[in-house]
Amino acid sequence: MSKRDRDADRPKRGPAIQAAEHEAAKQRILDQAEAERTPLDDTTQAIPDRQRRRER
């Protein structure tokens, strides 16, 4: 049996490796986004404008 025949019988690993690398990269991006995320509590608090407070 030649090398070509043996290779033809083996399943292709390239697409599986590429899919695993893609999933790992996606997870790294999601983890980074979560780490840099601003908590909702910080974005919903009203901070009065100093100029408006002086006008009253």
PDB file of N, CA and C in Angstrom:
ATOM      1  N   MET A   1       0.862  -1.181   0.000  1.00  0.00           N
ATOM      2  CA  MET A   1       0.000   0.000   0.000  1.00  0.00           C
ATOM      3  C   MET A   1       0.908   1.243   0.000  1.00  0.00           C
ATOM      4  N   SER A   2       0.633   2.148  -0.886  1.00  0.00           N
ATOM      5  CA  SER A   2       1.462   3.346  -0.982  1.00  0.00           C
ATOM      6  C   SER A   2       1.011   4.386   0.049  1.00  0.00           C
ATOM      7  N   LYS A   3       1.859   5.383   0.252  1.00  0.00           N
ATOM      8  CA  LYS A   3       1.536   6.464   1.197  1.00  0.00           C
ATOM      9  C   LYS A   3       0.265   7.189   0.779  1.00  0.00           C
ATOM     10  N   ARG A   4       0.095   7.381  -0.515  1.00  0.00           N
ATOM     11  CA  ARG A   4      -1.096   8.075  -1.026  1.00  0.00           C
ATOM     12  C   ARG A   4      -2.369   7.309  -0.647  1.00  0.00           C
ATOM     13  N   ASP A   5      -2.335   5.971  -0.762  1.00  0.00           N
ATOM     14  CA  ASP A   5      -3.497   5.156  -0.409  1.00  0.00           C
ATOM     15  C   ASP A   5      -3.802   5.241   1.082  1.00  0.00           C
ATOM     16  N   ARG A   6      -2.737   5.217   1.902  1.00  0.00           N
ATOM     17  CA  ARG A   6      -2.957   5.327   3.350  1.00  0.00           C
ATOM     18  C   ARG A   6      -3.529   6.692   3.716  1.00  0.00           C
ATOM     19  N   ASP A   7      -3.021   7.756   3.087  1.00  0.00           N
ATOM     20  CA  ASP A   7      -3.528   9.109   3.367  1.00  0.00           C
ATOM     21  C   ASP A   7      -4.977   9.262   2.939  1.00  0.00           C
ATOM     22  N   ALA A   8      -5.364   8.616   1.863  1.00  0.00           N
ATOM     23  CA  ALA A   8      -6.741   8.712   1.381  1.00  0.00           C
ATOM     24  C   ALA A   8      -7.705   8.054   2.364  1.00  0.00           C
ATOM     25  N   ASP A   9      -7.249   7.041   3.088  1.00  0.00           N
ATOM     26  CA  ASP A   9      -8.107   6.343   4.051  1.00  0.00           C
ATOM     27  C   ASP A   9      -8.282   7.118   5.347  1.00  0.00           C
ATOM     28  N   ARG A  10      -7.337   7.993   5.660  1.00  0.00           N
ATOM     29  CA  ARG A  10      -7.414   8.775   6.898  1.00  0.00           C
ATOM     30  C   ARG A  10      -8.375   9.946   6.737  1.00  0.00           C
ATOM     31  N   PRO A  11      -9.129  10.236   7.778  1.00  0.00           N
ATOM     32  CA  PRO A  11      -9.980  11.440   7.710  1.00  0.00           C
ATOM     33  C   PRO A  11      -9.121  12.696   7.713  1.00  0.00           C
ATOM     34  N   LYS A  12      -9.598  13.741   7.072  1.00  0.00           N
ATOM     35  CA  LYS A  12      -8.860  14.999   7.014  1.00  0.00           C
ATOM     36  C   LYS A  12      -8.970  15.706   8.363  1.00  0.00           C
ATOM     37  N   ARG A  13      -7.830  16.080   8.918  1.00  0.00           N
ATOM     38  CA  ARG A  13      -7.814  16.738  10.231  1.00  0.00           C
ATOM     39  C   ARG A  13      -7.792  18.247  10.110  1.00  0.00           C
ATOM     40  N   GLY A  14      -7.429  18.768   8.954  1.00  0.00           N
ATOM     41  CA  GLY A  14      -7.310  20.215   8.768  1.00  0.00           C
ATOM     42  C   GLY A  14      -8.558  20.990   9.171  1.00  0.00           C
ATOM     43  N   PRO A  15      -9.730  20.635   8.639  1.00  0.00           N
ATOM     44  CA  PRO A  15     -10.944  21.380   9.012  1.00  0.00           C
ATOM     45  C   PRO A  15     -11.262  21.305  10.509  1.00  0.00           C
ATOM     46  N   ALA A  16     -11.002  20.158  11.116  1.00  0.00           N
ATOM     47  CA  ALA A  16     -11.268  20.023  12.553  1.00  0.00           C
ATOM     48  C   ALA A  16     -10.319  20.904  13.366  1.00  0.00           C
ATOM     49  N   ILE A  17      -9.054  20.940  12.958  1.00  0.00           N
ATOM     50  CA  ILE A  17      -8.076  21.787  13.649  1.00  0.00           C
ATOM     51  C   ILE A  17      -8.442  23.251  13.477  1.00  0.00           C
ATOM     52  N   GLN A  18      -8.815  23.614  12.251  1.00  0.00           N
ATOM     53  CA  GLN A  18      -9.185  25.003  11.984  1.00  0.00           C
ATOM     54  C   GLN A  18     -10.418  25.404  12.812  1.00  0.00           C
ATOM     55  N   ALA A  19     -11.396  24.518  12.913  1.00  0.00           N
ATOM     56  CA  ALA A  19     -12.592  24.812  13.703  1.00  0.00           C
ATOM     57  C   ALA A  19     -12.239  24.978  15.185  1.00  0.00           C
ATOM     58  N   ALA A  20     -11.337  24.155  15.683  1.00  0.00           N
ATOM     59  CA  ALA A  20     -10.920  24.254  17.087  1.00  0.00           C
ATOM     60  C   ALA A  20     -10.179  25.566  17.333  1.00  0.00           C
ATOM     61  N   GLU A  21      -9.308  25.960  16.402  1.00  0.00           N
ATOM     62  CA  GLU A  21      -8.592  27.229  16.545  1.00  0.00           C
ATOM     63  C   GLU A  21      -9.556  28.408  16.486  1.00  0.00           C
ATOM     64  N   HIS A  22     -10.539  28.317  15.609  1.00  0.00           N
ATOM     65  CA  HIS A  22     -11.545  29.379  15.490  1.00  0.00           C
ATOM     66  C   HIS A  22     -12.333  29.519  16.798  1.00  0.00           C
ATOM     67  N   GLU A  23     -12.731  28.395  17.363  1.00  0.00           N
ATOM     68  CA  GLU A  23     -13.493  28.409  18.619  1.00  0.00           C
ATOM     69  C   GLU A  23     -12.639  28.963  19.757  1.00  0.00           C
ATOM     70  N   ALA A  24     -11.367  28.614  19.800  1.00  0.00           N
ATOM     71  CA  ALA A  24     -10.473  29.119  20.843  1.00  0.00           C
ATOM     72  C   ALA A  24     -10.286  30.628  20.708  1.00  0.00           C
ATOM     73  N   ALA A  25     -10.139  31.101  19.482  1.00  0.00           N
ATOM     74  CA  ALA A  25      -9.989  32.550  19.258  1.00  0.00           C
ATOM     75  C   ALA A  25     -11.259  33.286  19.658  1.00  0.00           C
ATOM     76  N   LYS A  26     -12.403  32.716  19.323  1.00  0.00           N
ATOM     77  CA  LYS A  26     -13.684  33.326  19.693  1.00  0.00           C
ATOM     78  C   LYS A  26     -13.813  33.418  21.210  1.00  0.00           C
ATOM     79  N   GLN A  27     -13.417  32.367  21.907  1.00  0.00           N
ATOM     80  CA  GLN A  27     -13.505  32.356  23.362  1.00  0.00           C
ATOM     81  C   GLN A  27     -12.567  33.386  23.976  1.00  0.00           C
ATOM     82  N   ARG A  28     -11.358  33.543  23.413  1.00  0.00           N
ATOM     83  CA  ARG A  28     -10.423  34.563  23.912  1.00  0.00           C
ATOM     84  C   ARG A  28     -11.018  35.963  23.756  1.00  0.00           C
ATOM     85  N   ILE A  29     -11.666  36.228  22.627  1.00  0.00           N
ATOM     86  CA  ILE A  29     -12.283  37.541  22.399  1.00  0.00           C
ATOM     87  C   ILE A  29     -13.420  37.768  23.384  1.00  0.00           C
ATOM     88  N   LEU A  30     -14.252  36.766  23.598  1.00  0.00           N
ATOM     89  CA  LEU A  30     -15.353  36.898  24.551  1.00  0.00           C
ATOM     90  C   LEU A  30     -14.842  37.109  25.976  1.00  0.00           C
ATOM     91  N   ASP A  31     -13.796  36.395  26.351  1.00  0.00           N
ATOM     92  CA  ASP A  31     -13.211  36.557  27.687  1.00  0.00           C
ATOM     93  C   ASP A  31     -12.645  37.963  27.865  1.00  0.00           C
ATOM     94  N   GLN A  32     -11.975  38.475  26.830  1.00  0.00           N
ATOM     95  CA  GLN A  32     -11.412  39.821  26.907  1.00  0.00           C
ATOM     96  C   GLN A  32     -12.529  40.864  26.990  1.00  0.00           C
ATOM     97  N   ALA A  33     -13.578  40.684  26.213  1.00  0.00           N
ATOM     98  CA  ALA A  33     -14.696  41.631  26.242  1.00  0.00           C
ATOM     99  C   ALA A  33     -15.358  41.636  27.617  1.00  0.00           C
ATOM    100  N   GLU A  34     -15.498  40.479  28.217  1.00  0.00           N
ATOM    101  CA  GLU A  34     -16.093  40.389  29.548  1.00  0.00           C
ATOM    102  C   GLU A  34     -15.214  41.089  30.582  1.00  0.00           C
ATOM    103  N   ALA A  35     -13.903  40.943  30.452  1.00  0.00           N
ATOM    104  CA  ALA A  35     -12.976  41.571  31.400  1.00  0.00           C
ATOM    105  C   ALA A  35     -13.003  43.093  31.277  1.00  0.00           C
ATOM    106  N   GLU A  36     -13.220  43.599  30.064  1.00  0.00           N
ATOM    107  CA  GLU A  36     -13.204  45.045  29.839  1.00  0.00           C
ATOM    108  C   GLU A  36     -14.588  45.687  29.962  1.00  0.00           C
ATOM    109  N   ARG A  37     -15.593  44.887  30.191  1.00  0.00           N
ATOM    110  CA  ARG A  37     -16.977  45.358  30.240  1.00  0.00           C
ATOM    111  C   ARG A  37     -17.199  46.302  31.421  1.00  0.00           C
ATOM    112  N   THR A  38     -17.996  47.351  31.197  1.00  0.00           N
ATOM    113  CA  THR A  38     -18.370  48.268  32.268  1.00  0.00           C
ATOM    114  C   THR A  38     -19.637  47.717  32.916  1.00  0.00           C
ATOM    115  N   PRO A  39     -19.631  47.521  34.220  1.00  0.00           N
ATOM    116  CA  PRO A  39     -20.835  46.998  34.881  1.00  0.00           C
ATOM    117  C   PRO A  39     -22.027  47.920  34.659  1.00  0.00           C
ATOM    118  N   LEU A  40     -23.193  47.334  34.544  1.00  0.00           N
ATOM    119  CA  LEU A  40     -24.408  48.090  34.281  1.00  0.00           C
ATOM    120  C   LEU A  40     -24.651  49.144  35.356  1.00  0.00           C
ATOM    121  N   ASP A  41     -24.350  48.841  36.612  1.00  0.00           N
ATOM    122  CA  ASP A  41     -24.574  49.798  37.692  1.00  0.00           C
ATOM    123  C   ASP A  41     -23.790  51.092  37.472  1.00  0.00           C
ATOM    124  N   ASP A  42     -22.605  50.991  36.899  1.00  0.00           N
ATOM    125  CA  ASP A  42     -21.775  52.173  36.664  1.00  0.00           C
ATOM    126  C   ASP A  42     -22.315  53.057  35.547  1.00  0.00           C
ATOM    127  N   THR A  43     -23.059  52.477  34.623  1.00  0.00           N
ATOM    128  CA  THR A  43     -23.522  53.255  33.470  1.00  0.00           C
ATOM    129  C   THR A  43     -24.902  53.859  33.678  1.00  0.00           C
ATOM    130  N   THR A  44     -25.623  53.445  34.707  1.00  0.00           N
ATOM    131  CA  THR A  44     -26.996  53.930  34.875  1.00  0.00           C
ATOM    132  C   THR A  44     -27.128  55.003  35.953  1.00  0.00           C
ATOM    133  N   GLN A  45     -26.069  55.324  36.659  1.00  0.00           N
ATOM    134  CA  GLN A  45     -26.155  56.337  37.701  1.00  0.00           C
ATOM    135  C   GLN A  45     -26.089  57.718  37.070  1.00  0.00           C
ATOM    136  N   ALA A  46     -27.049  58.558  37.430  1.00  0.00           N
ATOM    137  CA  ALA A  46     -27.066  59.923  36.911  1.00  0.00           C
ATOM    138  C   ALA A  46     -26.038  60.759  37.670  1.00  0.00           C
ATOM    139  N   ILE A  47     -25.211  61.444  36.918  1.00  0.00           N
ATOM    140  CA  ILE A  47     -24.212  62.333  37.514  1.00  0.00           C
ATOM    141  C   ILE A  47     -24.607  63.754  37.137  1.00  0.00           C
ATOM    142  N   PRO A  48     -24.968  64.576  38.112  1.00  0.00           N
ATOM    143  CA  PRO A  48     -25.421  65.929  37.794  1.00  0.00           C
ATOM    144  C   PRO A  48     -24.311  66.752  37.151  1.00  0.00           C
ATOM    145  N   ASP A  49     -24.708  67.581  36.226  1.00  0.00           N
ATOM    146  CA  ASP A  49     -23.781  68.466  35.550  1.00  0.00           C
ATOM    147  C   ASP A  49     -23.450  69.625  36.487  1.00  0.00           C
ATOM    148  N   ARG A  50     -22.189  69.945  36.679  1.00  0.00           N
ATOM    149  CA  ARG A  50     -21.788  71.006  37.622  1.00  0.00           C
ATOM    150  C   ARG A  50     -22.372  72.349  37.228  1.00  0.00           C
ATOM    151  N   GLN A  51     -22.412  72.633  35.956  1.00  0.00           N
ATOM    152  CA  GLN A  51     -22.922  73.914  35.508  1.00  0.00           C
ATOM    153  C   GLN A  51     -24.403  74.050  35.884  1.00  0.00           C
ATOM    154  N   ARG A  52     -25.169  73.023  35.744  1.00  0.00           N
ATOM    155  CA  ARG A  52     -26.588  73.099  36.110  1.00  0.00           C
ATOM    156  C   ARG A  52     -26.754  73.293  37.618  1.00  0.00           C
ATOM    157  N   ARG A  53     -25.901  72.677  38.428  1.00  0.00           N
ATOM    158  CA  ARG A  53     -26.013  72.847  39.875  1.00  0.00           C
ATOM    159  C   ARG A  53     -25.709  74.306  40.257  1.00  0.00           C
ATOM    160  N   ARG A  54     -24.788  74.933  39.583  1.00  0.00           N
ATOM    161  CA  ARG A  54     -24.441  76.328  39.892  1.00  0.00           C
ATOM    162  C   ARG A  54     -25.564  77.281  39.505  1.00  0.00           C
ATOM    163  N   GLU A  55     -26.306  76.967  38.467  1.00  0.00           N
ATOM    164  CA  GLU A  55     -27.375  77.848  38.003  1.00  0.00           C
ATOM    165  C   GLU A  55     -28.546  77.887  38.973  1.00  0.00           C
ATOM    166  N   ARG A  56     -28.753  76.886  39.746  1.00  0.00           N
ATOM    167  CA  ARG A  56     -29.916  76.828  40.661  1.00  0.00           C
ATOM    168  C   ARG A  56     -29.733  77.681  41.854  1.00  0.00           C
TER     169      ARG A  56
END
